[in-house]
Amino acid sequence: MSEVYFGTDLFSELDRLQRQMAGLFGGFPSSIRSGRSGAFPQINIGSTDDSIEIVAFAPGIDPKSLDLSIDKGLLTISGERGGLQPEAAGEDARTYAQERFVGAFRRVIELPQQADPDNVVARYVNGCLTVSIGKQEASKPRAINVQ
């Protein structure tokens, strides 16, 4: 029987392997603030028997500046988020750190086949854009009587 020998501590090797894998796949965000850049707004997607529900977390955006469209089974949410500078700062203000995303954004979401693009309602309340897309009648669950 042969023995396996690791030149260094086993846990160090596992840590090194984990760092290499994270670098290969870009890592996984540990919180909403550490998501990859360009993934704004963050979204949740779910469904009910009658609709597909999408919530986009987009605080600080004027709802009039949001553009939504559905084409070929893809929902596109786009717009622009401006910067907020304190009024008292004036032109002499310098920014040392900025964590808030500023600029144009675009998210494209693939919709399930049962989505009905003619039955869409969008609301923006308290920084959340809620998009409710109805399901086609043929895809809704129905009871079947046994004779």
Protein backbone atom coordinates (compact mmCIF):
# COMPACT_ATOMS: atom_id res chain seq x y z
CA MET A 1 0.00 0.00 0.00
CA SER A 2 1.38 3.40 -0.93
CA GLU A 3 1.11 6.51 1.17
CA VAL A 4 -0.04 9.84 -0.21
CA TYR A 5 2.32 12.66 0.61
CA PHE A 6 1.46 16.33 0.39
CA GLY A 7 4.47 18.62 0.34
CA THR A 8 2.62 21.22 2.39
CA ASP A 9 -0.30 21.35 4.75
CA LEU A 10 -3.46 19.77 3.26
CA PHE A 11 -5.60 22.77 4.23
CA SER A 12 -3.20 25.15 2.48
CA GLU A 13 -3.53 23.10 -0.68
CA LEU A 14 -7.32 23.13 -0.45
CA ASP A 15 -7.28 26.90 0.07
CA ARG A 16 -5.01 27.33 -2.95
CA LEU A 17 -7.32 25.14 -5.05
CA GLN A 18 -10.36 27.15 -3.96
CA ARG A 19 -8.64 30.43 -4.95
CA GLN A 20 -7.73 28.99 -8.33
CA MET A 21 -11.31 27.84 -8.94
CA ALA A 22 -12.69 31.22 -7.87
CA GLY A 23 -10.32 32.92 -10.30
CA LEU A 24 -11.34 30.56 -13.08
CA PHE A 25 -15.08 31.12 -12.64
CA GLY A 26 -14.95 34.71 -11.43
CA GLY A 27 -16.03 33.79 -7.91
CA PHE A 28 -19.53 33.93 -6.52
CA PRO A 29 -20.91 37.04 -4.88
CA SER A 30 -21.37 36.72 -1.15
CA SER A 31 -23.91 39.54 -0.96
CA ILE A 32 -25.92 41.90 -3.14
CA ARG A 33 -23.18 44.53 -2.84
CA SER A 34 -20.48 42.23 -4.13
CA GLY A 35 -22.31 41.23 -7.32
CA ARG A 36 -20.46 41.55 -10.60
CA SER A 37 -20.43 44.99 -12.15
CA GLY A 38 -22.97 45.41 -14.90
CA ALA A 39 -25.48 43.24 -13.05
CA PHE A 40 -27.64 46.21 -12.15
CA PRO A 41 -30.39 46.08 -11.20
CA GLN A 42 -30.38 42.95 -9.09
CA ILE A 43 -33.45 40.84 -9.83
CA ASN A 44 -35.68 38.17 -8.33
CA ILE A 45 -37.81 35.98 -10.61
CA GLY A 46 -40.71 33.78 -9.54
CA SER A 47 -44.10 32.62 -10.71
CA THR A 48 -47.66 31.98 -9.66
CA ASP A 49 -50.29 29.88 -11.40
CA ASP A 50 -51.33 32.94 -13.41
CA SER A 51 -48.18 35.00 -13.91
CA ILE A 52 -44.42 35.33 -13.96
CA GLU A 53 -43.22 37.86 -11.37
CA ILE A 54 -39.98 39.81 -11.79
CA VAL A 55 -38.72 42.28 -9.20
CA ALA A 56 -35.80 44.54 -10.10
CA PHE A 57 -34.17 46.39 -7.21
CA ALA A 58 -33.44 49.84 -8.65
CA PRO A 59 -33.43 52.52 -5.94
CA GLY A 60 -32.86 56.13 -6.84
CA ILE A 61 -34.08 55.88 -10.42
CA ASP A 62 -36.77 58.05 -11.93
CA PRO A 63 -39.45 55.61 -13.18
CA LYS A 64 -39.82 57.74 -16.33
CA SER A 65 -36.23 56.93 -17.27
CA LEU A 66 -36.85 53.17 -17.27
CA ASP A 67 -37.42 51.38 -20.57
CA LEU A 68 -39.03 47.94 -20.70
CA SER A 69 -39.57 45.84 -23.79
CA ILE A 70 -40.40 42.24 -24.67
CA ASP A 71 -39.18 40.78 -27.95
CA LYS A 72 -38.81 37.13 -28.95
CA GLY A 73 -39.18 35.88 -25.38
CA LEU A 74 -36.69 38.33 -23.88
CA LEU A 75 -37.58 41.04 -21.37
CA THR A 76 -35.19 44.00 -21.51
CA ILE A 77 -34.95 46.47 -18.63
CA SER A 78 -32.78 49.49 -19.36
CA GLY A 79 -32.25 53.02 -18.16
CA GLU A 80 -29.71 55.32 -16.61
CA ARG A 81 -28.85 56.06 -13.02
CA GLY A 82 -27.35 59.47 -12.36
CA GLY A 83 -24.87 60.39 -9.70
CA LEU A 84 -25.79 62.14 -6.49
CA GLN A 85 -23.42 64.85 -5.34
CA PRO A 86 -24.06 66.81 -2.16
CA GLU A 87 -25.24 70.33 -3.05
CA ALA A 88 -23.06 71.93 -0.38
CA ALA A 89 -19.89 70.37 -1.82
CA GLY A 90 -19.67 72.64 -4.85
CA GLU A 91 -17.07 72.30 -7.58
CA ASP A 92 -14.17 71.81 -5.13
CA ALA A 93 -15.49 68.44 -3.94
CA ARG A 94 -13.32 65.41 -4.59
CA THR A 95 -14.54 61.83 -4.53
CA TYR A 96 -12.25 59.38 -2.76
CA ALA A 97 -14.49 56.35 -2.93
CA GLN A 98 -17.71 55.61 -4.78
CA GLU A 99 -19.60 52.37 -4.28
CA ARG A 100 -22.88 53.38 -5.88
CA PHE A 101 -23.23 52.37 -9.53
CA VAL A 102 -23.73 55.36 -11.88
CA GLY A 103 -24.46 55.25 -15.58
CA ALA A 104 -26.47 53.38 -18.17
CA PHE A 105 -27.62 49.83 -17.46
CA ARG A 106 -29.38 47.04 -19.29
CA ARG A 107 -30.62 43.65 -18.10
CA VAL A 108 -32.01 41.02 -20.46
CA ILE A 109 -34.10 38.24 -18.96
CA GLU A 110 -35.16 35.14 -20.87
CA LEU A 111 -38.85 34.45 -20.25
CA PRO A 112 -40.46 31.02 -20.07
CA GLN A 113 -42.42 29.88 -23.14
CA GLN A 114 -45.75 30.27 -21.36
CA ALA A 115 -45.24 34.06 -20.92
CA ASP A 116 -47.89 36.20 -22.62
CA PRO A 117 -46.19 39.37 -23.97
CA ASP A 118 -49.60 41.03 -24.43
CA ASN A 119 -50.42 40.78 -20.71
CA VAL A 120 -47.75 42.81 -18.86
CA VAL A 121 -48.11 45.18 -15.89
CA ALA A 122 -45.12 47.14 -14.52
CA ARG A 123 -45.06 49.19 -11.30
CA TYR A 124 -42.26 51.11 -9.60
CA VAL A 125 -42.74 51.49 -5.85
CA ASN A 126 -40.13 52.30 -3.17
CA GLY A 127 -37.16 51.62 -5.43
CA CYS A 128 -38.47 48.29 -6.73
CA LEU A 129 -39.66 47.71 -10.28
CA THR A 130 -42.24 44.91 -10.26
CA VAL A 131 -43.08 43.37 -13.63
CA SER A 132 -45.98 40.91 -13.77
CA ILE A 133 -46.30 38.95 -17.01
CA GLY A 134 -49.42 36.85 -17.46
CA LYS A 135 -49.25 33.25 -18.61
CA GLN A 136 -50.95 32.03 -21.75
CA GLU A 137 -54.29 30.30 -21.09
CA ALA A 138 -53.10 26.98 -22.55
CA SER A 139 -50.24 26.79 -20.03
CA LYS A 140 -52.31 27.43 -16.89
CA PRO A 141 -53.03 24.43 -14.67
CA ARG A 142 -56.54 23.08 -14.91
CA ALA A 143 -58.46 20.27 -13.31
CA ILE A 144 -59.51 17.33 -15.45
CA ASN A 145 -62.62 15.36 -14.54
CA VAL A 146 -62.28 11.62 -14.60
CA GLN A 147 -65.34 9.86 -16.05
